[in-house]
Amino acid sequence: MAINWFIIAAVVIGIILLVYILIRQNKKDRKKIEKELNYVPKSEEAEINKKES
């Protein structure tokens, strides 16, 4: 039985494409989560930074 290089190449290209898409999506999600976690409303920020005399 001969090795079908066309099928092997298609599978390898598909795997590489899937990994690329997953890495790109992960970077987008990480930026979104970091932005959400670092968000502090102005009113809360003023209370946190308020100095007592």
C-alpha atoms as a PDB file:
ATOM      1  CA  MET A   1       0.000   0.000   0.000  1.00  0.00           C
ATOM      2  CA  ALA A   2       1.480   3.318  -1.110  1.00  0.00           C
ATOM      3  CA  ILE A   3       1.679   6.321   1.192  1.00  0.00           C
ATOM      4  CA  ASN A   4      -0.767   8.989   0.097  1.00  0.00           C
ATOM      5  CA  TRP A   5       1.321  12.149   0.558  1.00  0.00           C
ATOM      6  CA  PHE A   6      -1.575  14.383  -0.474  1.00  0.00           C
ATOM      7  CA  ILE A   7      -3.684  13.273   2.505  1.00  0.00           C
ATOM      8  CA  ILE A   8      -0.745  13.514   4.913  1.00  0.00           C
ATOM      9  CA  ALA A   9       0.074  17.036   3.693  1.00  0.00           C
ATOM     10  CA  ALA A  10      -3.585  18.111   3.994  1.00  0.00           C
ATOM     11  CA  VAL A  11      -3.780  16.817   7.579  1.00  0.00           C
ATOM     12  CA  VAL A  12      -0.511  18.529   8.572  1.00  0.00           C
ATOM     13  CA  ILE A  13      -1.624  21.832   7.014  1.00  0.00           C
ATOM     14  CA  GLY A  14      -4.992  21.514   8.771  1.00  0.00           C
ATOM     15  CA  ILE A  15      -3.308  20.945  12.147  1.00  0.00           C
ATOM     16  CA  ILE A  16      -0.968  23.905  11.651  1.00  0.00           C
ATOM     17  CA  LEU A  17      -3.909  26.126  10.669  1.00  0.00           C
ATOM     18  CA  LEU A  18      -5.919  25.018  13.712  1.00  0.00           C
ATOM     19  CA  VAL A  19      -3.018  25.737  16.089  1.00  0.00           C
ATOM     20  CA  TYR A  20      -2.533  29.183  14.518  1.00  0.00           C
ATOM     21  CA  ILE A  21      -6.235  30.048  14.907  1.00  0.00           C
ATOM     22  CA  LEU A  22      -6.291  28.855  18.530  1.00  0.00           C
ATOM     23  CA  ILE A  23      -3.182  30.869  19.455  1.00  0.00           C
ATOM     24  CA  ARG A  24      -4.604  34.013  17.830  1.00  0.00           C
ATOM     25  CA  GLN A  25      -7.949  33.607  19.614  1.00  0.00           C
ATOM     26  CA  ASN A  26      -6.175  33.009  22.921  1.00  0.00           C
ATOM     27  CA  LYS A  27      -4.278  36.308  22.566  1.00  0.00           C
ATOM     28  CA  LYS A  28      -7.529  38.175  21.869  1.00  0.00           C
ATOM     29  CA  ASP A  29      -9.234  36.569  24.863  1.00  0.00           C
ATOM     30  CA  ARG A  30      -6.260  37.323  27.132  1.00  0.00           C
ATOM     31  CA  LYS A  31      -6.303  41.015  26.192  1.00  0.00           C
ATOM     32  CA  LYS A  32     -10.073  41.164  26.769  1.00  0.00           C
ATOM     33  CA  ILE A  33      -9.842  39.502  30.193  1.00  0.00           C
ATOM     34  CA  GLU A  34      -6.925  41.715  31.288  1.00  0.00           C
ATOM     35  CA  LYS A  35      -8.865  44.805  30.263  1.00  0.00           C
ATOM     36  CA  GLU A  36     -11.941  43.648  32.205  1.00  0.00           C
ATOM     37  CA  LEU A  37      -9.939  42.738  35.317  1.00  0.00           C
ATOM     38  CA  ASN A  38      -8.042  46.046  35.347  1.00  0.00           C
ATOM     39  CA  TYR A  39     -11.206  48.127  34.983  1.00  0.00           C
ATOM     40  CA  VAL A  40     -12.037  50.282  38.001  1.00  0.00           C
ATOM     41  CA  PRO A  41     -14.889  52.800  37.853  1.00  0.00           C
ATOM     42  CA  LYS A  42     -13.890  56.409  38.576  1.00  0.00           C
ATOM     43  CA  SER A  43     -16.001  56.598  41.750  1.00  0.00           C
ATOM     44  CA  GLU A  44     -14.308  53.538  43.268  1.00  0.00           C
ATOM     45  CA  GLU A  45     -10.883  54.777  42.236  1.00  0.00           C
ATOM     46  CA  ALA A  46     -11.492  58.116  43.988  1.00  0.00           C
ATOM     47  CA  GLU A  47     -12.490  56.333  47.194  1.00  0.00           C
ATOM     48  CA  ILE A  48      -9.460  54.072  47.110  1.00  0.00           C
ATOM     49  CA  ASN A  49      -7.007  56.944  46.581  1.00  0.00           C
ATOM     50  CA  LYS A  50      -8.696  59.291  49.058  1.00  0.00           C
ATOM     51  CA  LYS A  51      -6.296  60.311  51.836  1.00  0.00           C
ATOM     52  CA  GLU A  52      -7.598  60.741  55.351  1.00  0.00           C
ATOM     53  CA  SER A  53      -6.358  63.797  57.270  1.00  0.00           C
END
